[in-house]
Amino acid sequence: MVDDAESRKQGKHPEKALSDAFVRTVAEPGKYFDGHGLFLKVDATGARRWVQRIVIRGKRSELGLGAFPLVSLKEAREAAFANRKLARSGGDPLADKKREKAVLTFEEAARKVHKLHEPSWRNKKHAAQFISTLETYAFPRMGRTKVSDVSSADVLAVLTPIWLKKAETARRVRQRIGMVMKWAVAQGWRSDNPADAISQALPKQDKTKQHRKALHYNEVAGCIVAVKASGADPSTKLALEFLILTATRSGETRGALWEEIGLDAGSWTIPASRMKAKRDHVVPLSARALEILQAAKNLSDGTGLVFPGTKHGKPLSDMTLSKLVKELGFDADVHGFRTSFRTWAQERTNYPREVAEAALAHTIKDTAEAAYARSNLFDKRRKMMEAWALHIEDSAISRRVPRIS
């Protein structure tokens, strides 16, 4: 008579022929059958794993269901039954298994999305920030989780600690997680975006806009004089004063190239690729701005940068300008000098609003006003920028500081 173990080997027992005790203790190598094509394969080493024989679309196949004890007898039976049911209805559990294995972890998916979108971002800084914020806040919590398994609870756990303390950063992290999830949806790995499902679970943030710190327009001259008298690098001094006189953004000034400068025309054409609004911006240059450019010629390092940094071929860093202003005792952000200019134009001149907005390269959202201000108002802006430069000099005189030369 064939004993029970031998019968299980031969597959003669009906469904649920195996028991938990048998699975735990069996040591003889072989295949021990249970039902629905499920069997326990015991290797010569004693290792045990679940396998299912199944016919999928007329073809006999074997599916690995995992090792024991990581996968229990009950779990193996449930998986085998589900596979057989799917196969009988025309499905393909083997293909589903392969697709499941292909699903990336959240970290792998995020890095894939980062690589796909990197060429379209405005600059390397934005590309670096996308992945660095996820590395800091998201990967430690859910980086190893399959992107198909990331839940709203995972996203909530990432955002909750920073949602109120670092509101802007938290919003960006949420947006970037959502971007990865939308890509996963497009891949067919999930049908929802868990970053969108947590709005009611997060407290309301203070959306009051935090304005950049700015000096009063009558204090700008004193800052420039202090900068000129400092021990800062000559390129840094010239760049900061040029930024103030042209009312441009830090990155626009620091990245200025000689090929963009028209000394004879007294203008500086910043290409669309370096502008926030993605449009060319022509800046009229005051007499003092042109003097700064003449002085900057002596600092040329052969790379084409108007204001080269300390590292050859590299522009000045944003931190260099900000640090200088703060170290000299001025409670202002570099970007705040644009506010100083805009307030001066509003309070001390009669130039129309659209002229000042054009000088700042702001996008006019009102369609009627945008149609009215279709030109770049260059001639009016030239007069205004010259008046701004003269105001700074006059402020220096009135405050009894040495004339800027």
Protein backbone atom coordinates (compact mmCIF):
# COMPACT_ATOMS: atom_id res chain seq x y z
CA MET A 1 0.00 0.00 0.00
CA VAL A 2 1.30 3.42 -0.92
CA ASP A 3 1.69 5.64 2.13
CA ASP A 4 0.20 9.16 2.40
CA ALA A 5 3.42 10.96 1.49
CA GLU A 6 3.83 8.84 -1.64
CA SER A 7 0.20 9.49 -2.58
CA ARG A 8 0.75 13.23 -2.23
CA LYS A 9 3.82 12.90 -4.44
CA GLN A 10 1.77 11.15 -7.11
CA GLY A 11 -1.02 13.72 -6.92
CA LYS A 12 -3.66 11.11 -6.04
CA HIS A 13 -5.17 13.01 -3.14
CA PRO A 14 -8.11 15.36 -3.80
CA GLU A 15 -8.22 19.08 -3.11
CA LYS A 16 -6.64 20.13 0.21
CA ALA A 17 -4.61 16.96 0.48
CA LEU A 18 -1.82 18.76 2.33
CA SER A 19 -1.91 19.90 5.94
CA ASP A 20 -0.05 22.63 7.79
CA ALA A 21 1.74 20.02 9.92
CA PHE A 22 2.88 18.05 6.86
CA VAL A 23 4.14 21.17 5.07
CA ARG A 24 6.12 22.18 8.16
CA THR A 25 7.76 18.80 8.69
CA VAL A 26 8.21 17.14 5.31
CA ALA A 27 11.90 16.74 4.52
CA GLU A 28 12.14 14.19 1.71
CA PRO A 29 12.81 15.89 -1.65
CA GLY A 30 9.96 15.71 -4.13
CA LYS A 31 6.69 17.28 -5.27
CA TYR A 32 3.69 17.08 -2.95
CA PHE A 33 0.32 17.86 -4.53
CA ASP A 34 -2.67 19.61 -2.97
CA GLY A 35 -5.32 20.67 -5.51
CA HIS A 36 -5.92 23.11 -8.41
CA GLY A 37 -2.51 22.06 -9.71
CA LEU A 38 -0.79 23.32 -6.57
CA PHE A 39 2.17 21.40 -5.20
CA LEU A 40 4.93 21.90 -2.67
CA LYS A 41 8.38 21.30 -4.14
CA VAL A 42 10.96 20.19 -1.58
CA ASP A 43 14.59 20.44 -2.70
CA ALA A 44 17.49 18.30 -1.52
CA THR A 45 18.59 21.24 0.65
CA GLY A 46 15.28 21.15 2.49
CA ALA A 47 14.08 24.41 0.89
CA ARG A 48 10.37 24.41 0.05
CA ARG A 49 8.48 26.43 -2.51
CA TRP A 50 5.00 26.53 -3.98
CA VAL A 51 4.40 25.83 -7.67
CA GLN A 52 1.16 25.60 -9.67
CA ARG A 53 0.62 23.61 -12.83
CA ILE A 54 -2.02 25.32 -14.90
CA VAL A 55 -3.34 25.42 -18.46
CA ILE A 56 -3.38 28.98 -19.80
CA ARG A 57 -5.08 29.46 -23.16
CA GLY A 58 -4.41 25.84 -24.11
CA LYS A 59 -0.80 25.82 -23.03
CA ARG A 60 0.42 24.02 -19.91
CA SER A 61 2.54 26.24 -17.66
CA GLU A 62 4.03 26.31 -14.19
CA LEU A 63 3.74 29.36 -11.93
CA GLY A 64 5.95 29.99 -8.93
CA LEU A 65 3.85 31.16 -5.98
CA GLY A 66 6.62 31.80 -3.44
CA ALA A 67 8.64 30.01 -0.79
CA PHE A 68 7.40 28.43 2.42
CA PRO A 69 7.08 29.70 5.16
CA LEU A 70 6.92 33.20 3.63
CA VAL A 71 3.86 31.97 1.75
CA SER A 72 1.65 29.78 3.92
CA LEU A 73 -0.41 26.81 2.76
CA LYS A 74 -3.58 28.89 3.00
CA GLU A 75 -2.10 31.75 0.96
CA ALA A 76 -0.79 29.34 -1.68
CA ARG A 77 -4.23 27.75 -2.01
CA GLU A 78 -5.91 31.13 -2.38
CA ALA A 79 -3.45 32.18 -5.07
CA ALA A 80 -3.82 28.88 -6.94
CA PHE A 81 -7.62 29.09 -6.88
CA ALA A 82 -7.55 32.70 -8.14
CA ASN A 83 -5.13 31.79 -10.94
CA ARG A 84 -7.22 28.85 -12.06
CA LYS A 85 -10.39 30.90 -12.02
CA LEU A 86 -8.71 33.62 -14.09
CA ALA A 87 -7.34 31.11 -16.59
CA ARG A 88 -10.76 29.44 -17.00
CA SER A 89 -12.27 32.82 -17.90
CA GLY A 90 -9.66 33.40 -20.60
CA GLY A 91 -7.23 35.46 -18.53
CA ASP A 92 -3.50 34.99 -18.27
CA PRO A 93 -2.15 34.86 -14.69
CA LEU A 94 1.37 34.31 -16.02
CA ALA A 95 1.27 37.59 -17.96
CA ASP A 96 -0.19 39.34 -14.92
CA LYS A 97 2.69 37.99 -12.83
CA LYS A 98 5.23 39.29 -15.33
CA ARG A 99 3.55 42.71 -15.34
CA GLU A 100 3.60 42.77 -11.56
CA LYS A 101 7.32 42.08 -11.55
CA ALA A 102 7.83 44.94 -14.02
CA VAL A 103 6.24 47.50 -11.70
CA LEU A 104 8.88 49.89 -10.39
CA THR A 105 9.30 51.01 -6.82
CA PHE A 106 8.34 54.61 -6.07
CA GLU A 107 11.99 55.65 -6.04
CA GLU A 108 12.69 53.92 -9.36
CA ALA A 109 9.58 55.49 -10.90
CA ALA A 110 10.48 58.95 -9.55
CA ARG A 111 13.97 58.78 -11.00
CA LYS A 112 12.50 57.62 -14.31
CA VAL A 113 10.05 60.55 -14.38
CA HIS A 114 12.86 62.94 -13.42
CA LYS A 115 15.01 61.71 -16.30
CA LEU A 116 12.11 61.97 -18.77
CA HIS A 117 11.24 65.55 -17.84
CA GLU A 118 14.71 66.93 -17.11
CA PRO A 119 15.31 68.24 -20.67
CA SER A 120 12.10 70.32 -20.51
CA TRP A 121 12.83 72.10 -17.21
CA ARG A 122 14.00 75.70 -17.33
CA ASN A 123 17.31 75.09 -15.63
CA LYS A 124 19.39 72.50 -13.80
CA LYS A 125 18.38 73.95 -10.44
CA HIS A 126 14.71 73.06 -10.96
CA ALA A 127 15.65 69.57 -12.12
CA ALA A 128 17.85 69.05 -9.08
CA GLN A 129 15.16 70.31 -6.70
CA PHE A 130 12.61 67.83 -8.08
CA ILE A 131 14.66 64.79 -7.11
CA SER A 132 16.34 66.24 -4.00
CA THR A 133 13.03 67.01 -2.25
CA LEU A 134 11.79 63.49 -2.94
CA GLU A 135 15.09 62.06 -1.67
CA THR A 136 14.73 64.06 1.53
CA TYR A 137 11.05 63.60 2.30
CA ALA A 138 9.47 60.80 0.23
CA PHE A 139 12.05 58.08 -0.41
CA PRO A 140 12.75 57.31 3.28
CA ARG A 141 9.05 56.56 3.80
CA MET A 142 7.94 54.93 0.56
CA GLY A 143 10.90 54.74 -1.80
CA ARG A 144 10.98 50.92 -1.73
CA THR A 145 7.22 50.52 -2.07
CA LYS A 146 5.96 49.39 -5.47
CA VAL A 147 4.42 52.40 -7.14
CA SER A 148 1.24 50.35 -7.57
CA ASP A 149 1.04 49.85 -3.80
CA VAL A 150 1.64 53.43 -2.65
CA SER A 151 -1.40 54.49 -0.64
CA SER A 152 -2.87 57.81 0.40
CA ALA A 153 -1.70 56.93 3.93
CA ASP A 154 1.89 56.77 2.65
CA VAL A 155 1.61 60.18 1.02
CA LEU A 156 -0.04 61.60 4.12
CA ALA A 157 2.79 60.27 6.30
CA VAL A 158 5.31 62.06 4.07
CA LEU A 159 3.51 65.41 4.05
CA THR A 160 2.08 65.71 7.57
CA PRO A 161 5.38 66.54 9.36
CA ILE A 162 6.17 69.42 6.95
CA TRP A 163 2.72 70.57 5.82
CA LEU A 164 2.58 73.55 8.20
CA LYS A 165 6.26 73.99 9.08
CA LYS A 166 7.49 74.04 5.48
CA ALA A 167 4.32 74.84 3.58
CA GLU A 168 5.82 75.72 0.20
CA THR A 169 8.17 72.75 0.23
CA ALA A 170 5.32 70.43 1.25
CA ARG A 171 3.14 71.64 -1.63
CA ARG A 172 5.97 70.99 -4.07
CA VAL A 173 6.62 67.54 -2.66
CA ARG A 174 2.93 66.71 -3.03
CA GLN A 175 2.92 67.98 -6.61
CA ARG A 176 6.01 65.92 -7.44
CA ILE A 177 4.60 62.76 -5.87
CA GLY A 178 1.43 63.35 -7.89
CA MET A 179 3.50 63.69 -11.05
CA VAL A 180 5.09 60.28 -10.45
CA MET A 181 1.68 58.75 -9.71
CA LYS A 182 0.15 60.13 -12.91
CA TRP A 183 3.00 58.52 -14.83
CA ALA A 184 2.25 55.23 -13.05
CA VAL A 185 -1.41 55.55 -14.09
CA ALA A 186 -0.31 56.08 -17.69
CA GLN A 187 1.79 52.89 -17.43
CA GLY A 188 -1.31 50.95 -16.40
CA TRP A 189 0.13 50.18 -12.96
CA ARG A 190 -2.64 51.89 -11.02
CA SER A 191 -5.90 53.73 -11.67
CA ASP A 192 -5.72 56.54 -9.11
CA ASN A 193 -3.45 59.28 -7.81
CA PRO A 194 -3.17 59.03 -4.01
CA ALA A 195 -1.69 62.52 -3.82
CA ASP A 196 -5.09 63.89 -4.87
CA ALA A 197 -7.04 61.89 -2.28
CA ILE A 198 -5.67 63.52 0.86
CA SER A 199 -6.90 67.12 0.61
CA GLN A 200 -9.45 66.76 3.40
CA ALA A 201 -6.95 64.99 5.64
CA LEU A 202 -4.45 67.87 5.69
CA PRO A 203 -4.91 71.07 7.72
CA LYS A 204 -5.34 74.38 5.91
CA GLN A 205 -2.11 76.20 5.22
CA ASP A 206 -1.62 79.92 5.61
CA LYS A 207 -1.68 81.01 1.97
CA THR A 208 -0.72 84.61 2.77
CA LYS A 209 1.96 85.49 0.27
CA GLN A 210 5.34 86.03 1.87
CA HIS A 211 6.86 89.02 0.10
CA ARG A 212 10.59 89.25 -0.45
CA LYS A 213 12.25 91.69 1.93
CA ALA A 214 13.03 94.94 0.16
CA LEU A 215 14.77 98.21 0.99
CA HIS A 216 12.97 101.51 0.66
CA TYR A 217 13.95 103.03 -2.66
CA ASN A 218 15.73 105.87 -0.84
CA GLU A 219 17.97 103.33 0.94
CA VAL A 220 19.15 101.54 -2.18
CA ALA A 221 21.95 104.04 -2.82
CA GLY A 222 23.40 103.44 0.65
CA CYS A 223 23.47 99.70 -0.04
CA ILE A 224 25.30 100.19 -3.32
CA VAL A 225 27.90 102.44 -1.70
CA ALA A 226 28.42 99.88 1.07
CA VAL A 227 28.86 97.17 -1.54
CA LYS A 228 31.42 99.21 -3.45
CA ALA A 229 33.40 99.87 -0.25
CA SER A 230 33.35 96.21 0.80
CA GLY A 231 36.09 93.67 0.26
CA ALA A 232 33.91 91.58 -2.02
CA ASP A 233 35.14 90.27 -5.36
CA PRO A 234 34.97 92.97 -8.08
CA SER A 235 32.71 90.82 -10.22
CA THR A 236 30.25 90.47 -7.32
CA LYS A 237 30.17 94.23 -6.71
CA LEU A 238 29.55 95.07 -10.34
CA ALA A 239 26.93 92.36 -10.75
CA LEU A 240 24.89 93.51 -7.75
CA GLU A 241 24.85 97.14 -8.84
CA PHE A 242 24.00 96.14 -12.42
CA LEU A 243 21.14 93.97 -11.13
CA ILE A 244 19.72 96.91 -9.18
CA LEU A 245 20.03 99.38 -12.06
CA THR A 246 18.37 97.04 -14.54
CA ALA A 247 15.71 95.71 -12.11
CA THR A 248 16.40 92.19 -13.33
CA ARG A 249 16.28 88.86 -11.54
CA SER A 250 19.37 87.37 -9.96
CA GLY A 251 19.69 84.52 -12.45
CA GLU A 252 19.27 86.86 -15.41
CA THR A 253 22.15 89.08 -14.26
CA ARG A 254 24.45 86.33 -13.06
CA GLY A 255 24.03 84.44 -16.34
CA ALA A 256 24.50 87.51 -18.57
CA LEU A 257 26.70 86.87 -21.62
CA TRP A 258 28.62 89.40 -23.68
CA GLU A 259 26.87 88.17 -26.81
CA GLU A 260 23.60 89.47 -25.31
CA ILE A 261 24.98 92.97 -24.79
CA GLY A 262 24.68 95.74 -27.38
CA LEU A 263 27.00 98.45 -26.10
CA ASP A 264 26.46 100.69 -29.12
CA ALA A 265 22.67 100.32 -28.91
CA GLY A 266 22.73 100.64 -25.12
CA SER A 267 20.67 97.51 -24.64
CA TRP A 268 20.80 93.98 -23.26
CA THR A 269 18.71 91.26 -24.88
CA ILE A 270 18.01 88.39 -22.49
CA PRO A 271 16.96 85.32 -24.51
CA ALA A 272 13.67 83.56 -23.83
CA SER A 273 15.51 80.49 -22.54
CA ARG A 274 16.68 82.48 -19.51
CA MET A 275 13.46 84.37 -18.86
CA LYS A 276 10.67 83.31 -16.50
CA ALA A 277 8.01 84.30 -19.04
CA LYS A 278 9.86 82.45 -21.83
CA ARG A 279 10.02 85.54 -24.01
CA ASP A 280 13.03 87.61 -25.13
CA HIS A 281 13.42 90.64 -22.90
CA VAL A 282 15.26 93.73 -24.14
CA VAL A 283 16.61 95.87 -21.29
CA PRO A 284 17.51 99.51 -21.97
CA LEU A 285 20.78 100.35 -20.24
CA SER A 286 21.33 103.60 -18.37
CA ALA A 287 24.60 105.49 -18.61
CA ARG A 288 25.73 104.06 -15.26
CA ALA A 289 24.86 100.50 -16.36
CA LEU A 290 27.04 100.98 -19.44
CA GLU A 291 29.89 102.20 -17.22
CA ILE A 292 29.60 99.00 -15.19
CA LEU A 293 29.84 96.92 -18.36
CA GLN A 294 32.99 98.78 -19.42
CA ALA A 295 34.53 97.99 -16.03
CA ALA A 296 33.40 94.35 -16.32
CA LYS A 297 35.38 93.94 -19.55
CA ASN A 298 38.55 93.90 -17.46
CA LEU A 299 37.27 90.83 -15.58
CA SER A 300 36.65 88.67 -18.65
CA ASP A 301 37.76 85.05 -18.22
CA GLY A 302 37.26 84.17 -21.87
CA THR A 303 34.05 82.20 -21.29
CA GLY A 304 31.65 84.93 -22.40
CA LEU A 305 30.23 85.58 -18.93
CA VAL A 306 29.83 89.26 -18.12
CA PHE A 307 30.19 88.60 -14.39
CA PRO A 308 32.30 85.45 -14.00
CA GLY A 309 32.38 83.60 -10.69
CA THR A 310 35.43 82.50 -8.76
CA LYS A 311 35.37 79.10 -10.54
CA HIS A 312 36.48 79.36 -14.15
CA GLY A 313 33.56 79.13 -16.55
CA LYS A 314 30.97 79.31 -13.78
CA PRO A 315 28.69 82.30 -13.10
CA LEU A 316 28.34 83.85 -9.67
CA SER A 317 26.07 81.92 -7.32
CA ASP A 318 22.82 83.39 -6.05
CA MET A 319 24.06 82.84 -2.50
CA THR A 320 27.11 85.06 -3.18
CA LEU A 321 24.93 88.11 -3.85
CA SER A 322 22.49 87.38 -1.02
CA LYS A 323 25.26 86.77 1.49
CA LEU A 324 26.97 90.05 0.64
CA VAL A 325 23.82 92.11 1.18
CA LYS A 326 23.11 90.41 4.51
CA GLU A 327 26.72 90.66 5.74
CA LEU A 328 26.69 94.39 5.11
CA GLY A 329 23.73 94.73 7.48
CA PHE A 330 20.91 95.26 4.99
CA ASP A 331 17.71 93.33 5.77
CA ALA A 332 16.77 92.68 2.16
CA ASP A 333 16.61 89.89 -0.38
CA VAL A 334 18.34 90.34 -3.73
CA HIS A 335 14.99 89.84 -5.47
CA GLY A 336 13.62 92.64 -3.28
CA PHE A 337 15.48 95.28 -5.29
CA ARG A 338 12.89 94.75 -8.02
CA THR A 339 10.27 95.72 -5.45
CA SER A 340 12.30 98.83 -4.54
CA PHE A 341 12.30 99.83 -8.20
CA ARG A 342 8.59 99.10 -8.68
CA THR A 343 7.60 101.10 -5.58
CA TRP A 344 9.76 104.02 -6.70
CA ALA A 345 8.13 103.98 -10.16
CA GLN A 346 4.68 103.99 -8.57
CA GLU A 347 5.29 106.62 -5.90
CA ARG A 348 7.84 108.96 -7.45
CA THR A 349 7.14 108.96 -11.20
CA ASN A 350 4.28 109.47 -13.62
CA TYR A 351 5.19 106.54 -15.83
CA PRO A 352 2.14 104.38 -16.62
CA ARG A 353 1.82 101.07 -14.80
CA GLU A 354 2.35 99.05 -17.98
CA VAL A 355 5.75 100.69 -18.51
CA ALA A 356 6.99 99.60 -15.08
CA GLU A 357 5.53 96.13 -15.56
CA ALA A 358 7.26 95.83 -18.92
CA ALA A 359 10.55 96.86 -17.29
CA LEU A 360 10.16 93.97 -14.85
CA ALA A 361 9.22 91.59 -17.70
CA HIS A 362 5.98 90.74 -15.92
CA THR A 363 3.30 88.89 -17.83
CA ILE A 364 0.14 91.00 -18.02
CA LYS A 365 -2.79 88.72 -17.15
CA ASP A 366 -5.55 91.17 -18.01
CA THR A 367 -6.26 90.55 -21.71
CA ALA A 368 -7.44 94.10 -22.38
CA GLU A 369 -4.36 95.63 -20.78
CA ALA A 370 -2.12 93.12 -22.54
CA ALA A 371 -3.58 94.11 -25.90
CA TYR A 372 -3.00 97.79 -25.08
CA ALA A 373 0.60 97.16 -24.07
CA ARG A 374 1.42 95.05 -27.12
CA SER A 375 4.69 96.88 -27.76
CA ASN A 376 7.65 96.51 -25.43
CA LEU A 377 7.51 100.28 -24.68
CA PHE A 378 11.27 100.39 -25.12
CA ASP A 379 11.75 104.16 -25.50
CA LYS A 380 9.64 104.92 -22.43
CA ARG A 381 11.46 102.25 -20.48
CA ARG A 382 14.83 103.73 -21.46
CA LYS A 383 13.82 107.09 -19.97
CA MET A 384 12.49 105.39 -16.86
CA MET A 385 15.65 103.33 -16.27
CA GLU A 386 17.79 106.43 -16.67
CA ALA A 387 15.57 108.21 -14.14
CA TRP A 388 15.99 105.26 -11.75
CA ALA A 389 19.78 105.50 -12.02
CA LEU A 390 19.66 109.26 -11.39
CA HIS A 391 17.37 108.76 -8.42
CA ILE A 392 19.93 106.43 -6.84
CA GLU A 393 22.68 109.00 -7.34
CA ASP A 394 20.49 111.82 -5.99
CA SER A 395 19.61 109.69 -2.96
CA ALA A 396 23.29 109.17 -2.27
CA ILE A 397 23.89 112.93 -2.33
CA SER A 398 20.91 113.71 -0.10
CA ARG A 399 22.07 111.15 2.46
CA ARG A 400 25.54 112.73 2.40
CA VAL A 401 27.25 109.66 1.16
CA PRO A 402 30.01 109.93 -1.47
CA ARG A 403 28.76 110.32 -5.03
CA ILE A 404 28.69 107.02 -6.90
CA SER A 405 31.26 107.09 -9.62
